Amino acid sequence: MSDRSRQRIFETAIAEFLNARREEKLRGKENPSISAKYNKSDWLENTAKILQKTKVQIGTHLPKATHSDVQGGTILASSLPERSEIGTHLLGSGFIVDATGNGAENAAVLDGWNFLHLFVEVDGKRRFLKDWLRDKDEDALAALSEVKNKSENIASRFLSFIEREEKRSKEGVSDGNAKQIYWLAEGEDASKNENFILLQPLYPTSLAHLIHATLSEARYGEKAKEGREARRKNQPWDGVLMEFRGLAKRSLGGSKPQNVSQLNSLRGGAMSLFSSAPPPALRGGRGAPLLKTKKSVVRWIMQQPNIYWALSELIKLLKNNQNATDISRIQKAREGLENFIAEEITHQAAKVRNAQSAGWSDHPECELPEEERLWLDTGRVEDEDNFNSQADQDFRERYHWGDWPDLIANRMAAFINHFLRAKGKFAVGDVEHYHWARISALVIDTSWPVPFQRKSKSQRDADLAPYREKQS
């Protein structure tokens, strides 16, 4: 291979790098001033000047993310021990690094670092550009500038920054403002200082950026958009649609995320935290509410994920079929969702009952509305041997009187109507309220002697007769 051919390989790699950075900045728009910044000679000279004097540090782990006043101590981890837990060690050797120390220079310094870590394959060898320059490869130097003294000067300033950072990363210097944890590493005697070591919490910026990129692709990528569109239209799709639910968001840097680091600036200061809650199959919805509260349990039941989903599906069904002519199909689908909601209400009510021992409603701290105590503490009604006080007998009498289901049914109907108004923008009123109250009442009555049927006044009187005879 001729010297000119070798030089052209280096020039092509440099041109491709600068063109990629230019396109990333322009984002498809025309801007001559931005475009001019990425002309090779200007960019190399300006970047070399910044690298020569900057105090910006390159790293994979940042203490600055744990304390805003940290000025150093950034860790550049070139190798990490393999562990079973998820961590930066899983990123391999090609992971992205971050720049921190000066919000005005972070981006330029990180560009300079990435420039020197371009892979260039020449003579069958694939090496970083910095390694070719360290070996004073004439073609690599000529690719920087045709003027020999100028190319050597630029290479010298770039390489001095690399050498400084590589040396610093081996020293492991910390900062006085960095957070520290005393960790008992030897023995069990906490009174001996020598048994402790100091641990410094570090922010895994490289890992955080990979997670951010993965989440962004899952949310906004073209394949993800295709998948969601296919799901909306109920059409087949051969891709994989990833969804991450229950995420929490942590912000770093406030209104100036660039002061933390360059990658933090690219993320807008945002970092997503995965939920550590059990999977839904093990979680079974939200935990049963504390029965010392005055708040209605009905609202808690109606806000359970499965019921929320069914109500949302009902809204979609009604909105997507407003002009449909196949009424029987729509009615069948609607009744299916209504039955699902009814079954889920029964399931959630049973979960509340099973979470408490019978007789909990008689506890002096129980402030739940009486009608809900009658509904949920059925053990106190059925176990006459263990619950035979006057208060228990009064409780049974009120239970069998049977007016409490109407109150609960109306409460459930009001919640569903409010949901349909707020989420679906439907003009629901008394007719819909009665419909939902009737369904709710049927659900509540399933534990009664006559399932799926409201009891008449005479039937309730018959239930009360034995208790009235005992009192007479």
Protein backbone atom coordinates (compact mmCIF):
# COMPACT_ATOMS: atom_id res chain seq x y z
CA MET A 1 0.00 0.00 0.00
CA SER A 2 1.42 3.39 -1.00
CA ASP A 3 1.97 6.11 1.58
CA ARG A 4 -0.71 8.19 -0.09
CA SER A 5 -3.22 5.35 0.20
CA ARG A 6 -2.41 4.95 3.90
CA GLN A 7 -2.81 8.68 4.50
CA ARG A 8 -6.16 8.64 2.68
CA ILE A 9 -7.46 5.96 5.09
CA PHE A 10 -6.69 8.22 8.05
CA GLU A 11 -8.18 11.23 6.29
CA THR A 12 -11.37 9.31 5.51
CA ALA A 13 -11.78 8.22 9.15
CA ILE A 14 -11.30 11.81 10.35
CA ALA A 15 -13.70 13.20 7.74
CA GLU A 16 -16.38 10.65 8.64
CA PHE A 17 -16.07 11.53 12.33
CA LEU A 18 -16.38 15.28 11.71
CA ASN A 19 -19.26 14.84 9.25
CA ALA A 20 -21.15 12.73 11.79
CA ARG A 21 -20.68 15.38 14.48
CA ARG A 22 -21.73 18.11 12.02
CA GLU A 23 -24.92 16.24 11.06
CA GLU A 24 -25.72 15.58 14.70
CA LYS A 25 -25.51 19.28 15.47
CA LEU A 26 -27.39 20.46 12.38
CA ARG A 27 -30.21 17.89 12.73
CA GLY A 28 -31.15 18.29 9.10
CA LYS A 29 -31.16 22.10 9.15
CA GLU A 30 -28.96 24.55 7.27
CA ASN A 31 -26.62 26.56 9.50
CA PRO A 32 -23.36 27.75 7.89
CA SER A 33 -21.82 28.91 11.19
CA ILE A 34 -22.27 25.51 12.84
CA SER A 35 -21.15 23.71 9.70
CA ALA A 36 -17.94 25.77 9.54
CA LYS A 37 -16.96 24.71 13.09
CA TYR A 38 -16.43 21.19 11.82
CA ASN A 39 -13.98 22.02 9.05
CA LYS A 40 -10.99 19.83 9.81
CA SER A 41 -8.30 22.46 10.29
CA ASP A 42 -10.48 24.76 12.43
CA TRP A 43 -11.90 21.95 14.56
CA LEU A 44 -8.51 20.35 15.22
CA GLU A 45 -6.92 23.66 16.23
CA ASN A 46 -9.79 24.76 18.48
CA THR A 47 -10.11 21.37 20.17
CA ALA A 48 -6.36 21.14 20.72
CA LYS A 49 -6.39 24.53 22.48
CA ILE A 50 -9.19 23.44 24.80
CA LEU A 51 -7.58 20.09 25.63
CA GLN A 52 -4.28 21.77 26.43
CA LYS A 53 -5.67 23.93 29.24
CA THR A 54 -8.89 22.26 30.35
CA LYS A 55 -9.55 20.81 33.80
CA VAL A 56 -12.37 18.65 32.49
CA GLN A 57 -12.06 15.00 33.44
CA ILE A 58 -13.11 11.93 31.49
CA GLY A 59 -14.76 9.04 33.29
CA THR A 60 -17.24 6.22 33.56
CA HIS A 61 -18.23 7.00 37.17
CA LEU A 62 -18.87 10.48 38.52
CA PRO A 63 -18.79 11.55 42.18
CA LYS A 64 -20.06 14.97 41.04
CA ALA A 65 -23.51 13.46 40.54
CA THR A 66 -23.65 12.78 44.28
CA HIS A 67 -22.45 16.27 45.35
CA SER A 68 -22.57 19.39 43.21
CA ASP A 69 -19.35 20.88 44.63
CA VAL A 70 -17.10 17.94 43.79
CA GLN A 71 -14.27 19.17 41.56
CA GLY A 72 -12.42 15.94 40.83
CA GLY A 73 -12.25 12.27 41.62
CA THR A 74 -13.86 11.11 38.38
CA ILE A 75 -13.15 7.43 37.77
CA LEU A 76 -12.21 6.08 34.34
CA ALA A 77 -12.68 2.33 34.78
CA SER A 78 -10.81 0.49 32.05
CA SER A 79 -11.59 -2.93 33.54
CA LEU A 80 -14.05 -4.10 36.16
CA PRO A 81 -14.56 -7.45 37.93
CA GLU A 82 -17.24 -9.69 36.48
CA ARG A 83 -20.30 -9.96 38.75
CA SER A 84 -23.70 -11.58 38.52
CA GLU A 85 -25.45 -8.26 39.19
CA ILE A 86 -26.16 -5.72 36.45
CA GLY A 87 -23.41 -3.12 36.31
CA THR A 88 -20.94 -1.19 34.17
CA HIS A 89 -18.81 -4.33 33.74
CA LEU A 90 -21.45 -5.65 31.33
CA LEU A 91 -20.82 -2.83 28.84
CA GLY A 92 -17.59 -4.34 27.56
CA SER A 93 -14.63 -2.39 26.19
CA GLY A 94 -16.53 -0.16 23.74
CA PHE A 95 -18.70 1.75 26.21
CA ILE A 96 -19.17 5.49 26.00
CA VAL A 97 -17.38 7.75 28.49
CA ASP A 98 -18.46 11.05 30.01
CA ALA A 99 -16.84 14.46 30.55
CA THR A 100 -17.27 16.60 33.66
CA GLY A 101 -15.70 19.67 35.23
CA ASN A 102 -16.72 22.62 33.06
CA GLY A 103 -20.15 22.97 31.49
CA ALA A 104 -18.74 25.19 28.73
CA GLU A 105 -16.00 22.74 27.73
CA ASN A 106 -17.44 19.29 28.47
CA ALA A 107 -18.79 18.76 24.96
CA ALA A 108 -15.58 19.81 23.19
CA VAL A 109 -13.41 17.70 25.49
CA LEU A 110 -15.58 14.63 25.01
CA ASP A 111 -15.43 15.13 21.23
CA GLY A 112 -11.65 15.29 21.45
CA TRP A 113 -11.51 12.09 23.49
CA ASN A 114 -13.79 10.25 21.09
CA PHE A 115 -11.76 11.54 18.14
CA LEU A 116 -8.60 9.99 19.54
CA HIS A 117 -10.45 6.72 20.12
CA LEU A 118 -11.46 6.32 16.49
CA PHE A 119 -10.60 2.87 15.18
CA VAL A 120 -8.45 3.06 12.05
CA GLU A 121 -7.44 -0.12 10.22
CA VAL A 122 -4.19 0.13 8.26
CA ASP A 123 -1.76 -2.59 7.17
CA GLY A 124 -4.08 -5.22 8.65
CA LYS A 125 -3.94 -3.59 12.08
CA ARG A 126 -7.01 -2.07 13.74
CA ARG A 127 -5.91 0.46 16.35
CA PHE A 128 -7.08 3.66 18.00
CA LEU A 129 -6.01 6.86 16.25
CA LYS A 130 -4.19 7.86 19.45
CA ASP A 131 -1.99 4.77 19.16
CA TRP A 132 -1.02 5.60 15.57
CA LEU A 133 -0.17 9.14 16.67
CA ARG A 134 1.84 7.94 19.68
CA ASP A 135 3.94 5.86 17.32
CA LYS A 136 4.45 9.02 15.22
CA ASP A 137 3.00 7.33 12.16
CA GLU A 138 3.82 9.74 9.33
CA ASP A 139 0.58 9.14 7.43
CA ALA A 140 -1.53 9.58 10.56
CA LEU A 141 0.25 12.87 11.27
CA ALA A 142 -0.08 14.00 7.65
CA ALA A 143 -3.83 13.36 7.85
CA LEU A 144 -4.04 16.03 10.57
CA SER A 145 -2.23 18.64 8.50
CA GLU A 146 -0.02 18.76 5.44
CA VAL A 147 2.29 21.10 7.39
CA LYS A 148 4.51 18.78 9.43
CA ASN A 149 5.23 21.10 12.35
CA LYS A 150 1.54 21.95 12.68
CA SER A 151 0.42 18.32 12.61
CA GLU A 152 2.99 17.36 15.26
CA ASN A 153 1.90 20.29 17.45
CA ILE A 154 -1.76 19.29 17.22
CA ALA A 155 -0.96 15.64 17.95
CA SER A 156 1.19 16.63 20.93
CA ARG A 157 -1.61 18.64 22.55
CA PHE A 158 -4.18 15.91 21.96
CA LEU A 159 -1.89 13.21 23.34
CA SER A 160 -0.89 15.23 26.41
CA PHE A 161 -4.54 15.31 27.45
CA ILE A 162 -4.88 11.56 26.95
CA GLU A 163 -1.74 10.89 29.00
CA ARG A 164 -2.95 13.17 31.79
CA GLU A 165 -6.28 11.37 32.03
CA GLU A 166 -4.75 7.91 31.86
CA LYS A 167 -2.34 8.81 34.65
CA ARG A 168 -5.09 10.37 36.78
CA SER A 169 -7.32 7.32 36.39
CA LYS A 170 -4.59 5.13 37.89
CA GLU A 171 -4.05 7.40 40.89
CA GLY A 172 -7.62 7.16 42.22
CA VAL A 173 -7.62 10.65 43.75
CA SER A 174 -10.84 11.66 45.50
CA ASP A 175 -12.30 15.05 46.43
CA GLY A 176 -13.04 16.44 49.88
CA ASN A 177 -16.68 17.06 49.02
CA ALA A 178 -17.30 13.54 47.74
CA LYS A 179 -19.64 11.44 49.82
CA GLN A 180 -18.00 8.69 51.84
CA ILE A 181 -19.27 5.70 53.78
CA TYR A 182 -17.42 4.00 56.61
CA TRP A 183 -17.67 0.28 55.92
CA LEU A 184 -16.88 -2.37 58.51
CA ALA A 185 -14.60 -4.66 56.51
CA GLU A 186 -12.72 -6.57 59.22
CA GLY A 187 -14.15 -8.35 62.24
CA GLU A 188 -17.22 -7.20 64.15
CA ASP A 189 -15.72 -4.66 66.54
CA ALA A 190 -17.07 -1.27 65.43
CA SER A 191 -14.99 0.55 68.05
CA LYS A 192 -11.72 -0.05 66.17
CA ASN A 193 -10.96 2.39 63.37
CA GLU A 194 -8.65 -0.06 61.63
CA ASN A 195 -11.59 -2.38 60.97
CA PHE A 196 -13.17 0.16 58.63
CA ILE A 197 -12.53 1.14 55.06
CA LEU A 198 -13.94 4.16 53.23
CA LEU A 199 -16.31 3.62 50.33
CA GLN A 200 -17.19 6.38 47.90
CA PRO A 201 -20.58 6.20 46.13
CA LEU A 202 -20.16 6.81 42.41
CA TYR A 203 -22.71 7.55 39.71
CA PRO A 204 -22.38 5.02 36.82
CA THR A 205 -22.77 7.57 34.04
CA SER A 206 -21.83 5.17 31.21
CA LEU A 207 -24.38 2.59 32.33
CA ALA A 208 -27.01 5.29 32.92
CA HIS A 209 -26.55 6.59 29.39
CA LEU A 210 -26.94 3.14 27.85
CA ILE A 211 -30.14 2.60 29.85
CA HIS A 212 -31.41 6.01 28.73
CA ALA A 213 -30.67 5.16 25.09
CA THR A 214 -32.46 1.81 25.43
CA LEU A 215 -35.54 3.40 26.99
CA SER A 216 -35.59 6.17 24.37
CA GLU A 217 -35.48 3.63 21.55
CA ALA A 218 -38.27 1.61 23.17
CA ARG A 219 -40.41 4.74 23.49
CA TYR A 220 -39.62 6.82 20.41
CA GLY A 221 -37.84 4.51 17.95
CA GLU A 222 -39.39 3.80 14.56
CA LYS A 223 -39.89 0.10 15.34
CA ALA A 224 -41.63 0.99 18.59
CA LYS A 225 -43.94 3.39 16.76
CA GLU A 226 -44.79 0.67 14.23
CA GLY A 227 -45.56 -1.76 17.03
CA ARG A 228 -47.85 0.61 18.90
CA GLU A 229 -49.64 1.52 15.68
CA ALA A 230 -50.21 -2.17 14.92
CA ARG A 231 -51.53 -2.71 18.44
CA ARG A 232 -53.95 0.20 18.11
CA LYS A 233 -55.25 -1.19 14.82
CA ASN A 234 -55.26 -4.76 16.16
CA GLN A 235 -53.00 -5.86 13.31
CA PRO A 236 -50.22 -8.50 13.30
CA TRP A 237 -46.63 -7.30 13.71
CA ASP A 238 -43.44 -9.35 13.75
CA GLY A 239 -41.37 -7.07 15.98
CA VAL A 240 -40.84 -6.93 19.75
CA LEU A 241 -42.54 -4.10 21.62
CA MET A 242 -40.85 -3.29 24.92
CA GLU A 243 -42.61 -1.36 27.67
CA PHE A 244 -41.09 -0.26 30.97
CA ARG A 245 -43.74 0.51 33.57
CA GLY A 246 -43.50 1.96 37.03
CA LEU A 247 -40.39 4.02 36.25
CA ALA A 248 -39.29 6.82 38.55
CA LYS A 249 -37.43 9.86 37.27
CA ARG A 250 -34.42 11.45 38.93
CA SER A 251 -33.12 14.84 37.78
CA LEU A 252 -29.50 15.94 38.12
CA GLY A 253 -28.25 19.49 37.70
CA GLY A 254 -31.58 21.32 37.84
CA SER A 255 -31.81 23.94 35.10
CA LYS A 256 -28.11 23.46 34.21
CA PRO A 257 -27.57 19.72 33.66
CA GLN A 258 -24.39 20.52 31.68
CA ASN A 259 -22.70 21.48 34.96
CA VAL A 260 -22.85 17.84 36.04
CA SER A 261 -21.52 16.25 32.86
CA GLN A 262 -21.88 16.18 29.08
CA LEU A 263 -23.90 12.95 28.97
CA ASN A 264 -26.15 14.28 31.72
CA SER A 265 -26.71 17.36 29.54
CA LEU A 266 -27.63 15.17 26.55
CA ARG A 267 -30.23 13.45 28.75
CA GLY A 268 -31.62 16.77 29.94
CA GLY A 269 -30.55 15.83 33.46
CA ALA A 270 -33.03 12.96 33.56
CA MET A 271 -32.33 9.44 34.71
CA SER A 272 -34.94 6.69 34.84
CA LEU A 273 -35.03 4.36 37.83
CA PHE A 274 -36.59 0.93 37.43
CA SER A 275 -39.30 -0.21 39.80
CA SER A 276 -38.13 -2.63 42.49
CA ALA A 277 -41.68 -3.81 43.23
CA PRO A 278 -42.55 -7.49 42.70
CA PRO A 279 -43.91 -8.55 39.29
CA PRO A 280 -47.68 -8.07 38.89
CA ALA A 281 -48.24 -11.82 39.04
CA LEU A 282 -46.78 -11.87 42.54
CA ARG A 283 -47.96 -8.44 43.58
CA GLY A 284 -51.65 -9.00 42.86
CA GLY A 285 -52.41 -5.30 42.55
CA ARG A 286 -52.02 -2.74 45.29
CA GLY A 287 -51.93 -3.96 48.87
CA ALA A 288 -55.14 -4.14 50.90
CA PRO A 289 -55.90 -0.78 52.53
CA LEU A 290 -55.54 -0.15 56.23
CA LEU A 291 -58.97 -0.47 57.74
CA LYS A 292 -58.24 2.23 60.32
CA THR A 293 -58.84 4.82 57.66
CA LYS A 294 -62.02 6.84 57.26
CA LYS A 295 -61.65 6.71 53.50
CA SER A 296 -63.88 4.43 51.48
CA VAL A 297 -62.46 1.04 50.49
CA VAL A 298 -64.66 1.21 47.40
CA ARG A 299 -62.39 3.80 45.82
CA TRP A 300 -59.34 1.63 46.50
CA ILE A 301 -61.06 -1.36 44.88
CA MET A 302 -62.15 0.60 41.82
CA GLN A 303 -58.60 1.93 41.32
CA GLN A 304 -57.04 -1.53 41.10
CA PRO A 305 -55.03 -2.07 37.87
CA ASN A 306 -57.34 -4.71 36.37
CA ILE A 307 -60.47 -2.63 36.93
CA TYR A 308 -58.72 0.49 35.63
CA TRP A 309 -57.71 -1.45 32.52
CA ALA A 310 -61.24 -2.77 31.92
CA LEU A 311 -62.76 0.71 32.25
CA SER A 312 -60.16 2.07 29.83
CA GLU A 313 -60.98 -0.72 27.37
CA LEU A 314 -64.67 0.11 27.74
CA ILE A 315 -63.95 3.72 26.78
CA LYS A 316 -62.01 2.55 23.70
CA LEU A 317 -64.84 0.21 22.73
CA LEU A 318 -67.49 2.91 22.99
CA LYS A 319 -65.42 5.56 21.21
CA ASN A 320 -64.29 3.32 18.36
CA ASN A 321 -67.79 2.03 17.63
CA GLN A 322 -70.01 5.10 17.91
CA ASN A 323 -71.28 4.61 14.35
CA ALA A 324 -71.14 0.82 14.26
CA THR A 325 -74.12 -1.08 12.89
CA ASP A 326 -73.27 -4.45 14.44
CA ILE A 327 -74.99 -3.68 17.73
CA SER A 328 -75.00 -7.25 19.00
CA ARG A 329 -71.21 -7.52 18.70
CA ILE A 330 -70.70 -4.26 20.59
CA GLN A 331 -73.17 -5.30 23.26
CA LYS A 332 -71.45 -8.65 23.70
CA ALA A 333 -68.04 -7.00 24.04
CA ARG A 334 -69.43 -4.45 26.51
CA GLU A 335 -71.07 -7.14 28.61
CA GLY A 336 -67.80 -9.07 28.64
CA LEU A 337 -65.99 -6.06 30.12
CA GLU A 338 -68.80 -5.46 32.60
CA ASN A 339 -68.62 -9.08 33.76
CA PHE A 340 -64.86 -8.78 34.10
CA ILE A 341 -65.26 -5.66 36.25
CA ALA A 342 -67.87 -7.43 38.39
CA GLU A 343 -65.61 -10.45 38.92
CA GLU A 344 -62.65 -8.24 39.76
CA ILE A 345 -64.69 -6.29 42.35
CA THR A 346 -65.62 -9.61 43.97
CA HIS A 347 -61.97 -10.71 43.93
CA GLN A 348 -60.70 -7.48 45.48
CA ALA A 349 -63.39 -7.51 48.16
CA ALA A 350 -62.41 -11.08 49.05
CA LYS A 351 -58.79 -9.99 49.26
CA VAL A 352 -59.69 -7.32 51.79
CA ARG A 353 -61.72 -9.83 53.83
CA ASN A 354 -58.90 -12.38 53.83
CA ALA A 355 -56.36 -9.78 54.90
CA GLN A 356 -58.19 -9.25 58.22
CA SER A 357 -59.37 -11.58 60.95
CA ALA A 358 -63.11 -11.84 61.54
CA GLY A 359 -64.49 -9.17 63.83
CA TRP A 360 -62.04 -6.46 62.81
CA SER A 361 -64.92 -4.03 62.27
CA ASP A 362 -65.55 -3.95 66.05
CA HIS A 363 -62.07 -2.60 66.75
CA PRO A 364 -62.26 0.86 68.37
CA GLU A 365 -59.78 2.26 65.82
CA CYS A 366 -61.84 1.09 62.83
CA GLU A 367 -63.36 4.20 61.27
CA LEU A 368 -64.47 2.72 57.95
CA PRO A 369 -68.00 3.69 56.84
CA GLU A 370 -70.50 1.32 58.44
CA GLU A 371 -71.93 0.02 55.17
CA GLU A 372 -68.45 -1.08 54.09
CA ARG A 373 -67.82 -2.80 57.41
CA LEU A 374 -71.07 -4.72 56.93
CA TRP A 375 -69.96 -5.70 53.43
CA LEU A 376 -66.43 -6.77 54.25
CA ASP A 377 -66.59 -8.25 57.77
CA THR A 378 -68.85 -11.20 56.93
CA GLY A 379 -67.04 -13.42 59.44
CA ARG A 380 -68.57 -11.39 62.24
CA VAL A 381 -72.01 -12.11 60.78
CA GLU A 382 -71.54 -15.83 60.19
CA ASP A 383 -69.68 -16.83 63.39
CA GLU A 384 -72.41 -16.43 66.01
CA ASP A 385 -70.57 -18.55 68.58
CA ASN A 386 -67.53 -16.27 68.87
CA PHE A 387 -69.30 -13.00 68.15
CA ASN A 388 -72.33 -12.97 70.42
CA SER A 389 -72.23 -9.61 72.17
CA GLN A 390 -75.06 -7.12 71.85
CA ALA A 391 -72.91 -5.09 69.46
CA ASP A 392 -72.40 -8.21 67.32
CA GLN A 393 -76.14 -8.94 67.28
CA ASP A 394 -76.85 -5.34 66.25
CA PHE A 395 -74.23 -5.71 63.52
CA ARG A 396 -75.97 -8.84 62.16
CA GLU A 397 -79.32 -7.13 62.26
CA ARG A 398 -78.05 -4.18 60.26
CA TYR A 399 -76.39 -6.60 57.85
CA HIS A 400 -79.60 -8.53 57.19
CA TRP A 401 -81.66 -5.38 57.00
CA GLY A 402 -79.98 -5.00 53.65
CA ASP A 403 -79.97 -1.29 52.88
CA TRP A 404 -76.16 -1.03 52.91
CA PRO A 405 -75.66 -2.58 49.43
CA ASP A 406 -77.51 0.36 47.90
CA LEU A 407 -75.03 2.80 49.43
CA ILE A 408 -72.03 0.83 48.18
CA ALA A 409 -73.57 0.24 44.75
CA ASN A 410 -74.23 3.97 44.36
CA ARG A 411 -70.65 4.71 45.41
CA MET A 412 -69.29 2.33 42.78
CA ALA A 413 -71.62 3.71 40.12
CA ALA A 414 -70.56 7.27 40.94
CA PHE A 415 -66.89 6.28 40.56
CA ILE A 416 -67.48 4.63 37.16
CA ASN A 417 -69.54 7.57 35.88
CA HIS A 418 -66.82 9.98 37.00
CA PHE A 419 -64.19 7.83 35.25
CA LEU A 420 -66.17 7.81 32.00
CA ARG A 421 -66.65 11.57 32.18
CA ALA A 422 -63.04 12.40 33.05
CA LYS A 423 -61.21 9.88 30.84
CA GLY A 424 -63.68 9.31 28.04
CA LYS A 425 -65.44 12.70 27.94
CA PHE A 426 -68.82 10.94 27.88
CA ALA A 427 -71.97 12.80 28.95
CA VAL A 428 -73.15 10.15 31.41
CA GLY A 429 -75.97 10.77 33.87
CA ASP A 430 -78.72 9.10 35.90
CA VAL A 431 -79.46 6.36 33.36
CA GLU A 432 -75.85 5.18 33.32
CA HIS A 433 -75.61 5.59 37.09
CA TYR A 434 -78.58 3.27 37.56
CA HIS A 435 -77.06 0.74 35.15
CA TRP A 436 -73.77 0.62 37.04
CA ALA A 437 -75.47 0.65 40.44
CA ARG A 438 -77.54 -2.37 39.43
CA ILE A 439 -74.44 -4.29 38.29
CA SER A 440 -72.59 -3.35 41.48
CA ALA A 441 -75.54 -4.39 43.63
CA LEU A 442 -75.65 -7.78 41.93
CA VAL A 443 -71.96 -8.25 42.69
CA ILE A 444 -72.44 -7.39 46.34
CA ASP A 445 -75.42 -9.73 46.66
CA THR A 446 -73.59 -12.81 45.38
CA SER A 447 -72.86 -13.86 48.97
CA TRP A 448 -76.52 -13.66 49.92
CA PRO A 449 -78.91 -16.66 49.91
CA VAL A 450 -80.44 -15.53 46.60
CA PRO A 451 -77.46 -14.80 44.30
CA PHE A 452 -77.64 -12.19 41.53
CA GLN A 453 -80.95 -10.83 42.74
CA ARG A 454 -81.78 -7.86 44.99
CA LYS A 455 -83.82 -8.85 48.01
CA SER A 456 -87.23 -7.43 48.57
CA LYS A 457 -88.36 -5.86 51.83
CA SER A 458 -90.30 -9.02 52.73
CA GLN A 459 -87.21 -11.19 52.12
CA ARG A 460 -85.11 -9.02 54.39
CA ASP A 461 -87.84 -9.15 57.05
CA ALA A 462 -87.72 -12.93 56.85
CA ASP A 463 -83.95 -12.87 57.43
CA LEU A 464 -84.44 -10.64 60.46
CA ALA A 465 -87.19 -12.74 62.04
CA PRO A 466 -84.90 -15.19 63.95
CA TYR A 467 -82.97 -12.33 65.55
CA ARG A 468 -86.14 -10.54 66.57
CA GLU A 469 -87.46 -13.73 68.20
CA LYS A 470 -84.27 -14.04 70.27
CA GLN A 471 -84.68 -10.49 71.55
CA SER A 472 -88.35 -10.92 72.48
